Amino acid sequence: MNLPSGESGGPRRERRRHPRTPVAWPVLVEAGKRRHPCQTVDIGVQGAKLSPKIWLQTGTEVRLQFAPPEGEPIRIGALVWRVDADGLAFLFDQRVAHPLIRNA
């Protein structure tokens, strides 16, 4: 029986072109005039997943302000790319460069 990747009980292979780094950084989500504090689950050069206290629709444009433990805050525009049961996935409007973010 052929099982899709990850369903055989073996380790899952990262399918993203740009892998994500697991982090627990505070992030402020600005959607219109509303500001919502959230927590980063993981981040990569082109996107991030957040564990929000709010829910936004796919396609919503936002401004994100991440507070990494080292260096300056990261401020970037993004789009809600996907809504999952455990959080929101965002696609950045440009690549992010930071020493704590994996760049593969």
PDB file of N, CA and C in Angstrom:
ATOM      1  N   MET A   1       0.838  -1.175   0.000  1.00  0.00           N
ATOM      2  CA  MET A   1       0.000   0.000   0.000  1.00  0.00           C
ATOM      3  C   MET A   1       0.882   1.236   0.000  1.00  0.00           C
ATOM      4  N   ASN A   2       0.654   2.167  -0.907  1.00  0.00           N
ATOM      5  CA  ASN A   2       1.424   3.398  -0.989  1.00  0.00           C
ATOM      6  C   ASN A   2       0.766   4.471  -0.146  1.00  0.00           C
ATOM      7  N   LEU A   3       1.512   4.980   0.835  1.00  0.00           N
ATOM      8  CA  LEU A   3       1.001   6.038   1.696  1.00  0.00           C
ATOM      9  C   LEU A   3       1.660   7.353   1.330  1.00  0.00           C
ATOM     10  N   PRO A   4       0.904   8.453   1.388  1.00  0.00           N
ATOM     11  CA  PRO A   4       1.522   9.754   1.148  1.00  0.00           C
ATOM     12  C   PRO A   4       2.612  10.009   2.180  1.00  0.00           C
ATOM     13  N   SER A   5       3.540  10.848   1.816  1.00  0.00           N
ATOM     14  CA  SER A   5       4.663  11.200   2.696  1.00  0.00           C
ATOM     15  C   SER A   5       4.172  11.573   4.083  1.00  0.00           C
ATOM     16  N   GLY A   6       4.816  11.001   5.114  1.00  0.00           N
ATOM     17  CA  GLY A   6       4.469  11.324   6.482  1.00  0.00           C
ATOM     18  C   GLY A   6       3.414  10.425   7.091  1.00  0.00           C
ATOM     19  N   GLU A   7       2.659   9.663   6.289  1.00  0.00           N
ATOM     20  CA  GLU A   7       1.603   8.823   6.835  1.00  0.00           C
ATOM     21  C   GLU A   7       2.089   7.422   7.169  1.00  0.00           C
ATOM     22  N   SER A   8       3.325   7.098   6.837  1.00  0.00           N
ATOM     23  CA  SER A   8       3.847   5.771   7.113  1.00  0.00           C
ATOM     24  C   SER A   8       4.424   5.658   8.510  1.00  0.00           C
ATOM     25  N   GLY A   9       4.378   6.749   9.272  1.00  0.00           N
ATOM     26  CA  GLY A   9       4.936   6.749  10.611  1.00  0.00           C
ATOM     27  C   GLY A   9       6.379   7.210  10.635  1.00  0.00           C
ATOM     28  N   GLY A  10       6.999   7.383   9.470  1.00  0.00           N
ATOM     29  CA  GLY A  10       8.371   7.864   9.391  1.00  0.00           C
ATOM     30  C   GLY A  10       8.422   9.378   9.519  1.00  0.00           C
ATOM     31  N   PRO A  11       9.627   9.925   9.561  1.00  0.00           N
ATOM     32  CA  PRO A  11       9.754  11.382   9.680  1.00  0.00           C
ATOM     33  C   PRO A  11       9.211  12.087   8.455  1.00  0.00           C
ATOM     34  N   ARG A  12       8.587  13.228   8.690  1.00  0.00           N
ATOM     35  CA  ARG A  12       8.031  14.018   7.583  1.00  0.00           C
ATOM     36  C   ARG A  12       9.138  14.848   6.963  1.00  0.00           C
ATOM     37  N   ARG A  13       9.153  14.916   5.663  1.00  0.00           N
ATOM     38  CA  ARG A  13      10.127  15.717   4.934  1.00  0.00           C
ATOM     39  C   ARG A  13       9.552  17.108   4.724  1.00  0.00           C
ATOM     40  N   GLU A  14      10.362  18.128   4.943  1.00  0.00           N
ATOM     41  CA  GLU A  14       9.944  19.516   4.730  1.00  0.00           C
ATOM     42  C   GLU A  14       9.677  19.707   3.239  1.00  0.00           C
ATOM     43  N   ARG A  15       8.474  20.143   2.899  1.00  0.00           N
ATOM     44  CA  ARG A  15       8.119  20.324   1.499  1.00  0.00           C
ATOM     45  C   ARG A  15       8.247  21.773   1.054  1.00  0.00           C
ATOM     46  N   ARG A  16       8.433  22.680   1.990  1.00  0.00           N
ATOM     47  CA  ARG A  16       8.559  24.088   1.631  1.00  0.00           C
ATOM     48  C   ARG A  16       9.868  24.333   0.896  1.00  0.00           C
ATOM     49  N   ARG A  17       9.829  25.252  -0.032  1.00  0.00           N
ATOM     50  CA  ARG A  17      11.036  25.674  -0.721  1.00  0.00           C
ATOM     51  C   ARG A  17      11.946  26.429   0.244  1.00  0.00           C
ATOM     52  N   HIS A  18      11.332  27.197   1.154  1.00  0.00           N
ATOM     53  CA  HIS A  18      12.064  27.958   2.157  1.00  0.00           C
ATOM     54  C   HIS A  18      11.617  27.468   3.531  1.00  0.00           C
ATOM     55  N   PRO A  19      12.454  26.693   4.214  1.00  0.00           N
ATOM     56  CA  PRO A  19      12.047  26.107   5.499  1.00  0.00           C
ATOM     57  C   PRO A  19      11.776  27.175   6.559  1.00  0.00           C
ATOM     58  N   ARG A  20      11.025  26.790   7.558  1.00  0.00           N
ATOM     59  CA  ARG A  20      10.672  27.680   8.658  1.00  0.00           C
ATOM     60  C   ARG A  20      11.495  27.345   9.889  1.00  0.00           C
ATOM     61  N   THR A  21      11.725  28.366  10.719  1.00  0.00           N
ATOM     62  CA  THR A  21      12.430  28.221  11.978  1.00  0.00           C
ATOM     63  C   THR A  21      11.407  28.294  13.103  1.00  0.00           C
ATOM     64  N   PRO A  22      11.319  27.282  13.964  1.00  0.00           N
ATOM     65  CA  PRO A  22      10.386  27.370  15.096  1.00  0.00           C
ATOM     66  C   PRO A  22      10.862  28.453  16.070  1.00  0.00           C
ATOM     67  N   VAL A  23       9.976  29.366  16.409  1.00  0.00           N
ATOM     68  CA  VAL A  23      10.282  30.447  17.350  1.00  0.00           C
ATOM     69  C   VAL A  23       9.054  30.711  18.211  1.00  0.00           C
ATOM     70  N   ALA A  24       9.222  31.500  19.245  1.00  0.00           N
ATOM     71  CA  ALA A  24       8.100  31.911  20.097  1.00  0.00           C
ATOM     72  C   ALA A  24       8.216  33.412  20.339  1.00  0.00           C
ATOM     73  N   TRP A  25       8.244  34.164  19.242  1.00  0.00           N
ATOM     74  CA  TRP A  25       8.390  35.612  19.332  1.00  0.00           C
ATOM     75  C   TRP A  25       7.033  36.286  19.440  1.00  0.00           C
ATOM     76  N   PRO A  26       6.930  37.335  20.240  1.00  0.00           N
ATOM     77  CA  PRO A  26       5.709  38.138  20.205  1.00  0.00           C
ATOM     78  C   PRO A  26       5.621  38.843  18.846  1.00  0.00           C
ATOM     79  N   VAL A  27       4.411  39.009  18.364  1.00  0.00           N
ATOM     80  CA  VAL A  27       4.198  39.716  17.101  1.00  0.00           C
ATOM     81  C   VAL A  27       2.912  40.518  17.218  1.00  0.00           C
ATOM     82  N   LEU A  28       2.937  41.710  16.650  1.00  0.00           N
ATOM     83  CA  LEU A  28       1.753  42.565  16.627  1.00  0.00           C
ATOM     84  C   LEU A  28       1.180  42.521  15.215  1.00  0.00           C
ATOM     85  N   VAL A  29      -0.090  42.170  15.098  1.00  0.00           N
ATOM     86  CA  VAL A  29      -0.768  42.113  13.807  1.00  0.00           C
ATOM     87  C   VAL A  29      -1.643  43.355  13.683  1.00  0.00           C
ATOM     88  N   GLU A  30      -1.399  44.152  12.652  1.00  0.00           N
ATOM     89  CA  GLU A  30      -2.201  45.332  12.386  1.00  0.00           C
ATOM     90  C   GLU A  30      -3.072  45.054  11.171  1.00  0.00           C
ATOM     91  N   ALA A  31      -4.378  45.017  11.390  1.00  0.00           N
ATOM     92  CA  ALA A  31      -5.349  44.781  10.321  1.00  0.00           C
ATOM     93  C   ALA A  31      -6.274  45.999  10.299  1.00  0.00           C
ATOM     94  N   GLY A  32      -6.070  46.868   9.326  1.00  0.00           N
ATOM     95  CA  GLY A  32      -6.819  48.120   9.314  1.00  0.00           C
ATOM     96  C   GLY A  32      -6.393  48.966  10.500  1.00  0.00           C
ATOM     97  N   LYS A  33      -7.339  49.425  11.280  1.00  0.00           N
ATOM     98  CA  LYS A  33      -7.031  50.231  12.463  1.00  0.00           C
ATOM     99  C   LYS A  33      -6.928  49.379  13.724  1.00  0.00           C
ATOM    100  N   ARG A  34      -7.135  48.070  13.586  1.00  0.00           N
ATOM    101  CA  ARG A  34      -7.068  47.171  14.748  1.00  0.00           C
ATOM    102  C   ARG A  34      -5.669  46.605  14.900  1.00  0.00           C
ATOM    103  N   ARG A  35      -5.248  46.457  16.163  1.00  0.00           N
ATOM    104  CA  ARG A  35      -3.941  45.871  16.483  1.00  0.00           C
ATOM    105  C   ARG A  35      -4.166  44.702  17.431  1.00  0.00           C
ATOM    106  N   HIS A  36      -3.542  43.566  17.110  1.00  0.00           N
ATOM    107  CA  HIS A  36      -3.757  42.345  17.877  1.00  0.00           C
ATOM    108  C   HIS A  36      -2.417  41.717  18.257  1.00  0.00           C
ATOM    109  N   PRO A  37      -2.123  41.557  19.558  1.00  0.00           N
ATOM    110  CA  PRO A  37      -0.906  40.847  19.951  1.00  0.00           C
ATOM    111  C   PRO A  37      -1.091  39.346  19.745  1.00  0.00           C
ATOM    112  N   CYS A  38      -0.080  38.713  19.167  1.00  0.00           N
ATOM    113  CA  CYS A  38      -0.120  37.273  18.890  1.00  0.00           C
ATOM    114  C   CYS A  38       1.237  36.665  19.212  1.00  0.00           C
ATOM    115  N   GLN A  39       1.374  35.373  18.908  1.00  0.00           N
ATOM    116  CA  GLN A  39       2.624  34.645  19.146  1.00  0.00           C
ATOM    117  C   GLN A  39       3.044  33.970  17.847  1.00  0.00           C
ATOM    118  N   THR A  40       4.324  34.050  17.516  1.00  0.00           N
ATOM    119  CA  THR A  40       4.851  33.388  16.334  1.00  0.00           C
ATOM    120  C   THR A  40       5.090  31.911  16.639  1.00  0.00           C
ATOM    121  N   VAL A  41       4.646  31.033  15.747  1.00  0.00           N
ATOM    122  CA  VAL A  41       4.888  29.594  15.862  1.00  0.00           C
ATOM    123  C   VAL A  41       6.166  29.239  15.112  1.00  0.00           C
ATOM    124  N   ASP A  42       6.268  29.726  13.860  1.00  0.00           N
ATOM    125  CA  ASP A  42       7.474  29.547  13.074  1.00  0.00           C
ATOM    126  C   ASP A  42       7.571  30.671  12.055  1.00  0.00           C
ATOM    127  N   ILE A  43       8.793  30.882  11.546  1.00  0.00           N
ATOM    128  CA  ILE A  43       9.025  31.971  10.596  1.00  0.00           C
ATOM    129  C   ILE A  43      10.071  31.545   9.586  1.00  0.00           C
ATOM    130  N   GLY A  44       9.904  32.005   8.359  1.00  0.00           N
ATOM    131  CA  GLY A  44      10.869  31.772   7.295  1.00  0.00           C
ATOM    132  C   GLY A  44      11.094  33.066   6.544  1.00  0.00           C
ATOM    133  N   VAL A  45      11.886  33.014   5.493  1.00  0.00           N
ATOM    134  CA  VAL A  45      12.200  34.224   4.746  1.00  0.00           C
ATOM    135  C   VAL A  45      11.001  34.773   3.975  1.00  0.00           C
ATOM    136  N   GLN A  46       9.993  33.933   3.719  1.00  0.00           N
ATOM    137  CA  GLN A  46       8.849  34.389   2.932  1.00  0.00           C
ATOM    138  C   GLN A  46       7.507  34.302   3.649  1.00  0.00           C
ATOM    139  N   GLY A  47       7.509  33.830   4.906  1.00  0.00           N
ATOM    140  CA  GLY A  47       6.224  33.730   5.592  1.00  0.00           C
ATOM    141  C   GLY A  47       6.376  33.269   7.020  1.00  0.00           C
ATOM    142  N   ALA A  48       5.251  33.239   7.723  1.00  0.00           N
ATOM    143  CA  ALA A  48       5.248  32.825   9.127  1.00  0.00           C
ATOM    144  C   ALA A  48       3.895  32.236   9.480  1.00  0.00           C
ATOM    145  N   LYS A  49       3.895  31.458  10.551  1.00  0.00           N
ATOM    146  CA  LYS A  49       2.646  30.959  11.116  1.00  0.00           C
ATOM    147  C   LYS A  49       2.514  31.561  12.507  1.00  0.00           C
ATOM    148  N   LEU A  50       1.326  32.071  12.798  1.00  0.00           N
ATOM    149  CA  LEU A  50       1.057  32.698  14.080  1.00  0.00           C
ATOM    150  C   LEU A  50      -0.056  31.976  14.795  1.00  0.00           C
ATOM    151  N   SER A  51       0.046  31.970  16.098  1.00  0.00           N
ATOM    152  CA  SER A  51      -1.021  31.474  16.946  1.00  0.00           C
ATOM    153  C   SER A  51      -1.764  32.714  17.441  1.00  0.00           C
ATOM    154  N   PRO A  52      -2.851  33.062  16.770  1.00  0.00           N
ATOM    155  CA  PRO A  52      -3.497  34.337  17.062  1.00  0.00           C
ATOM    156  C   PRO A  52      -4.551  34.245  18.156  1.00  0.00           C
ATOM    157  N   LYS A  53      -4.852  35.399  18.677  1.00  0.00           N
ATOM    158  CA  LYS A  53      -5.997  35.535  19.575  1.00  0.00           C
ATOM    159  C   LYS A  53      -7.197  36.055  18.785  1.00  0.00           C
ATOM    160  N   ILE A  54      -6.990  36.255  17.497  1.00  0.00           N
ATOM    161  CA  ILE A  54      -8.035  36.726  16.587  1.00  0.00           C
ATOM    162  C   ILE A  54      -7.999  35.843  15.345  1.00  0.00           C
ATOM    163  N   TRP A  55      -9.051  35.909  14.546  1.00  0.00           N
ATOM    164  CA  TRP A  55      -9.077  35.176  13.285  1.00  0.00           C
ATOM    165  C   TRP A  55      -9.366  36.153  12.171  1.00  0.00           C
ATOM    166  N   LEU A  56      -8.621  36.025  11.082  1.00  0.00           N
ATOM    167  CA  LEU A  56      -8.789  36.863   9.908  1.00  0.00           C
ATOM    168  C   LEU A  56      -9.094  35.973   8.720  1.00  0.00           C
ATOM    169  N   GLN A  57      -9.722  36.543   7.706  1.00  0.00           N
ATOM    170  CA  GLN A  57     -10.052  35.770   6.512  1.00  0.00           C
ATOM    171  C   GLN A  57      -8.847  35.652   5.595  1.00  0.00           C
ATOM    172  N   THR A  58      -8.797  34.555   4.854  1.00  0.00           N
ATOM    173  CA  THR A  58      -7.771  34.384   3.831  1.00  0.00           C
ATOM    174  C   THR A  58      -7.838  35.572   2.878  1.00  0.00           C
ATOM    175  N   GLY A  59      -6.662  36.113   2.556  1.00  0.00           N
ATOM    176  CA  GLY A  59      -6.585  37.255   1.647  1.00  0.00           C
ATOM    177  C   GLY A  59      -6.514  38.603   2.340  1.00  0.00           C
ATOM    178  N   THR A  60      -6.698  38.640   3.648  1.00  0.00           N
ATOM    179  CA  THR A  60      -6.636  39.904   4.381  1.00  0.00           C
ATOM    180  C   THR A  60      -5.198  40.433   4.381  1.00  0.00           C
ATOM    181  N   GLU A  61      -5.036  41.711   4.048  1.00  0.00           N
ATOM    182  CA  GLU A  61      -3.727  42.351   4.086  1.00  0.00           C
ATOM    183  C   GLU A  61      -3.484  42.901   5.486  1.00  0.00           C
ATOM    184  N   VAL A  62      -2.265  42.676   5.996  1.00  0.00           N
ATOM    185  CA  VAL A  62      -1.918  43.110   7.348  1.00  0.00           C
ATOM    186  C   VAL A  62      -0.500  43.666   7.351  1.00  0.00           C
ATOM    187  N   ARG A  63      -0.149  44.317   8.462  1.00  0.00           N
ATOM    188  CA  ARG A  63       1.235  44.678   8.775  1.00  0.00           C
ATOM    189  C   ARG A  63       1.611  43.872   9.997  1.00  0.00           C
ATOM    190  N   LEU A  64       2.793  43.252   9.976  1.00  0.00           N
ATOM    191  CA  LEU A  64       3.268  42.448  11.094  1.00  0.00           C
ATOM    192  C   LEU A  64       4.504  43.109  11.691  1.00  0.00           C
ATOM    193  N   GLN A  65       4.589  43.077  13.022  1.00  0.00           N
ATOM    194  CA  GLN A  65       5.784  43.573  13.704  1.00  0.00           C
ATOM    195  C   GLN A  65       6.245  42.504  14.686  1.00  0.00           C
ATOM    196  N   PHE A  66       7.318  41.797  14.296  1.00  0.00           N
ATOM    197  CA  PHE A  66       7.884  40.735  15.122  1.00  0.00           C
ATOM    198  C   PHE A  66       8.904  41.335  16.087  1.00  0.00           C
ATOM    199  N   ALA A  67       9.004  40.742  17.289  1.00  0.00           N
ATOM    200  CA  ALA A  67       9.974  41.180  18.298  1.00  0.00           C
ATOM    201  C   ALA A  67      10.929  40.028  18.605  1.00  0.00           C
ATOM    202  N   PRO A  68      11.961  39.836  17.749  1.00  0.00           N
ATOM    203  CA  PRO A  68      12.918  38.767  18.021  1.00  0.00           C
ATOM    204  C   PRO A  68      13.740  39.097  19.268  1.00  0.00           C
ATOM    205  N   PRO A  69      14.333  38.084  19.908  1.00  0.00           N
ATOM    206  CA  PRO A  69      15.097  38.336  21.132  1.00  0.00           C
ATOM    207  C   PRO A  69      16.386  39.114  20.873  1.00  0.00           C
ATOM    208  N   GLU A  70      16.853  39.112  19.634  1.00  0.00           N
ATOM    209  CA  GLU A  70      18.074  39.825  19.267  1.00  0.00           C
ATOM    210  C   GLU A  70      17.785  40.717  18.069  1.00  0.00           C
ATOM    211  N   GLY A  71      18.368  41.897  18.080  1.00  0.00           N
ATOM    212  CA  GLY A  71      18.250  42.789  16.935  1.00  0.00           C
ATOM    213  C   GLY A  71      16.986  43.633  16.972  1.00  0.00           C
ATOM    214  N   GLU A  72      16.811  44.374  15.896  1.00  0.00           N
ATOM    215  CA  GLU A  72      15.677  45.287  15.752  1.00  0.00           C
ATOM    216  C   GLU A  72      14.390  44.520  15.459  1.00  0.00           C
ATOM    217  N   PRO A  73      13.235  45.127  15.761  1.00  0.00           N
ATOM    218  CA  PRO A  73      11.963  44.511  15.364  1.00  0.00           C
ATOM    219  C   PRO A  73      11.901  44.336  13.843  1.00  0.00           C
ATOM    220  N   ILE A  74      11.182  43.327  13.417  1.00  0.00           N
ATOM    221  CA  ILE A  74      10.974  43.082  11.985  1.00  0.00           C
ATOM    222  C   ILE A  74       9.579  43.577  11.651  1.00  0.00           C
ATOM    223  N   ARG A  75       9.488  44.575  10.767  1.00  0.00           N
ATOM    224  CA  ARG A  75       8.199  45.126  10.329  1.00  0.00           C
ATOM    225  C   ARG A  75       8.030  44.790   8.849  1.00  0.00           C
ATOM    226  N   ILE A  76       6.872  44.174   8.527  1.00  0.00           N
ATOM    227  CA  ILE A  76       6.675  43.721   7.147  1.00  0.00           C
ATOM    228  C   ILE A  76       5.192  43.620   6.821  1.00  0.00           C
ATOM    229  N   GLY A  77       4.856  43.884   5.562  1.00  0.00           N
ATOM    230  CA  GLY A  77       3.508  43.663   5.074  1.00  0.00           C
ATOM    231  C   GLY A  77       3.312  42.192   4.760  1.00  0.00           C
ATOM    232  N   ALA A  78       2.077  41.721   4.905  1.00  0.00           N
ATOM    233  CA  ALA A  78       1.813  40.300   4.652  1.00  0.00           C
ATOM    234  C   ALA A  78       0.353  40.111   4.267  1.00  0.00           C
ATOM    235  N   LEU A  79       0.073  38.933   3.804  1.00  0.00           N
ATOM    236  CA  LEU A  79      -1.261  38.508   3.397  1.00  0.00           C
ATOM    237  C   LEU A  79      -1.614  37.243   4.154  1.00  0.00           C
ATOM    238  N   VAL A  80      -2.839  37.147   4.663  1.00  0.00           N
ATOM    239  CA  VAL A  80      -3.271  35.886   5.277  1.00  0.00           C
ATOM    240  C   VAL A  80      -3.368  34.872   4.145  1.00  0.00           C
ATOM    241  N   TRP A  81      -2.478  33.885   4.176  1.00  0.00           N
ATOM    242  CA  TRP A  81      -2.374  32.907   3.103  1.00  0.00           C
ATOM    243  C   TRP A  81      -3.269  31.699   3.345  1.00  0.00           C
ATOM    244  N   ARG A  82      -3.347  31.292   4.642  1.00  0.00           N
ATOM    245  CA  ARG A  82      -4.113  30.095   4.972  1.00  0.00           C
ATOM    246  C   ARG A  82      -4.610  30.212   6.404  1.00  0.00           C
ATOM    247  N   VAL A  83      -5.803  29.695   6.640  1.00  0.00           N
ATOM    248  CA  VAL A  83      -6.368  29.645   7.989  1.00  0.00           C
ATOM    249  C   VAL A  83      -6.446  28.179   8.391  1.00  0.00           C
ATOM    250  N   ASP A  84      -5.688  27.801   9.432  1.00  0.00           N
ATOM    251  CA  ASP A  84      -5.667  26.433   9.939  1.00  0.00           C
ATOM    252  C   ASP A  84      -6.341  26.398  11.308  1.00  0.00           C
ATOM    253  N   ALA A  85      -6.646  25.228  11.789  1.00  0.00           N
ATOM    254  CA  ALA A  85      -7.261  25.084  13.103  1.00  0.00           C
ATOM    255  C   ALA A  85      -6.354  25.604  14.213  1.00  0.00           C
ATOM    256  N   ASP A  86      -5.032  25.523  13.990  1.00  0.00           N
ATOM    257  CA  ASP A  86      -4.094  25.933  15.037  1.00  0.00           C
ATOM    258  C   ASP A  86      -3.456  27.300  14.799  1.00  0.00           C
ATOM    259  N   GLY A  87      -3.876  28.021  13.781  1.00  0.00           N
ATOM    260  CA  GLY A  87      -3.318  29.348  13.567  1.00  0.00           C
ATOM    261  C   GLY A  87      -3.473  29.850  12.152  1.00  0.00           C
ATOM    262  N   LEU A  88      -2.817  30.976  11.886  1.00  0.00           N
ATOM    263  CA  LEU A  88      -2.878  31.628  10.587  1.00  0.00           C
ATOM    264  C   LEU A  88      -1.503  31.582   9.926  1.00  0.00           C
ATOM    265  N   ALA A  89      -1.470  31.278   8.636  1.00  0.00           N
ATOM    266  CA  ALA A  89      -0.236  31.304   7.861  1.00  0.00           C
ATOM    267  C   ALA A  89      -0.221  32.589   7.043  1.00  0.00           C
ATOM    268  N   PHE A  90       0.910  33.306   7.088  1.00  0.00           N
ATOM    269  CA  PHE A  90       1.044  34.578   6.389  1.00  0.00           C
ATOM    270  C   PHE A  90       2.118  34.483   5.322  1.00  0.00           C
ATOM    271  N   LEU A  91       1.885  35.131   4.189  1.00  0.00           N
ATOM    272  CA  LEU A  91       2.863  35.260   3.122  1.00  0.00           C
ATOM    273  C   LEU A  91       3.352  36.703   3.144  1.00  0.00           C
ATOM    274  N   PHE A  92       4.684  36.890   3.292  1.00  0.00           N
ATOM    275  CA  PHE A  92       5.248  38.234   3.346  1.00  0.00           C
ATOM    276  C   PHE A  92       5.252  38.887   1.972  1.00  0.00           C
ATOM    277  N   ASP A  93       5.219  40.230   1.950  1.00  0.00           N
ATOM    278  CA  ASP A  93       5.268  40.933   0.673  1.00  0.00           C
ATOM    279  C   ASP A  93       6.700  41.133   0.174  1.00  0.00           C
ATOM    280  N   GLN A  94       7.673  40.725   0.990  1.00  0.00           N
ATOM    281  CA  GLN A  94       9.083  40.714   0.574  1.00  0.00           C
ATOM    282  C   GLN A  94       9.834  39.719   1.445  1.00  0.00           C
ATOM    283  N   ARG A  95      11.032  39.348   1.015  1.00  0.00           N
ATOM    284  CA  ARG A  95      11.840  38.394   1.795  1.00  0.00           C
ATOM    285  C   ARG A  95      12.357  39.070   3.064  1.00  0.00           C
ATOM    286  N   VAL A  96      12.486  38.281   4.126  1.00  0.00           N
ATOM    287  CA  VAL A  96      12.992  38.762   5.403  1.00  0.00           C
ATOM    288  C   VAL A  96      14.384  38.184   5.616  1.00  0.00           C
ATOM    289  N   ALA A  97      15.304  39.029   6.050  1.00  0.00           N
ATOM    290  CA  ALA A  97      16.648  38.566   6.400  1.00  0.00           C
ATOM    291  C   ALA A  97      16.874  38.868   7.877  1.00  0.00           C
ATOM    292  N   HIS A  98      17.178  37.838   8.645  1.00  0.00           N
ATOM    293  CA  HIS A  98      17.468  37.985  10.070  1.00  0.00           C
ATOM    294  C   HIS A  98      18.357  36.814  10.455  1.00  0.00           C
ATOM    295  N   PRO A  99      19.363  37.047  11.316  1.00  0.00           N
ATOM    296  CA  PRO A  99      20.294  35.968  11.664  1.00  0.00           C
ATOM    297  C   PRO A  99      19.645  34.745  12.306  1.00  0.00           C
ATOM    298  N   LEU A 100      18.481  34.894  12.939  1.00  0.00           N
ATOM    299  CA  LEU A 100      17.833  33.771  13.606  1.00  0.00           C
ATOM    300  C   LEU A 100      16.872  33.001  12.707  1.00  0.00           C
ATOM    301  N   ILE A 101      16.702  33.455  11.454  1.00  0.00           N
ATOM    302  CA  ILE A 101      15.781  32.799  10.526  1.00  0.00           C
ATOM    303  C   ILE A 101      16.589  31.962   9.533  1.00  0.00           C
ATOM    304  N   ARG A 102      16.207  30.655   9.429  1.00  0.00           N
ATOM    305  CA  ARG A 102      16.885  29.769   8.460  1.00  0.00           C
ATOM    306  C   ARG A 102      16.665  30.273   7.055  1.00  0.00           C
ATOM    307  N   ASN A 103      17.722  30.208   6.275  1.00  0.00           N
ATOM    308  CA  ASN A 103      17.646  30.620   4.871  1.00  0.00           C
ATOM    309  C   ASN A 103      18.239  29.509   4.035  1.00  0.00           C
ATOM    310  N   ALA A 104      17.381  28.638   3.523  1.00  0.00           N
ATOM    311  CA  ALA A 104      17.878  27.492   2.745  1.00  0.00           C
ATOM    312  C   ALA A 104      17.738  27.745   1.273  1.00  0.00           C
TER     313      ALA A 104
END
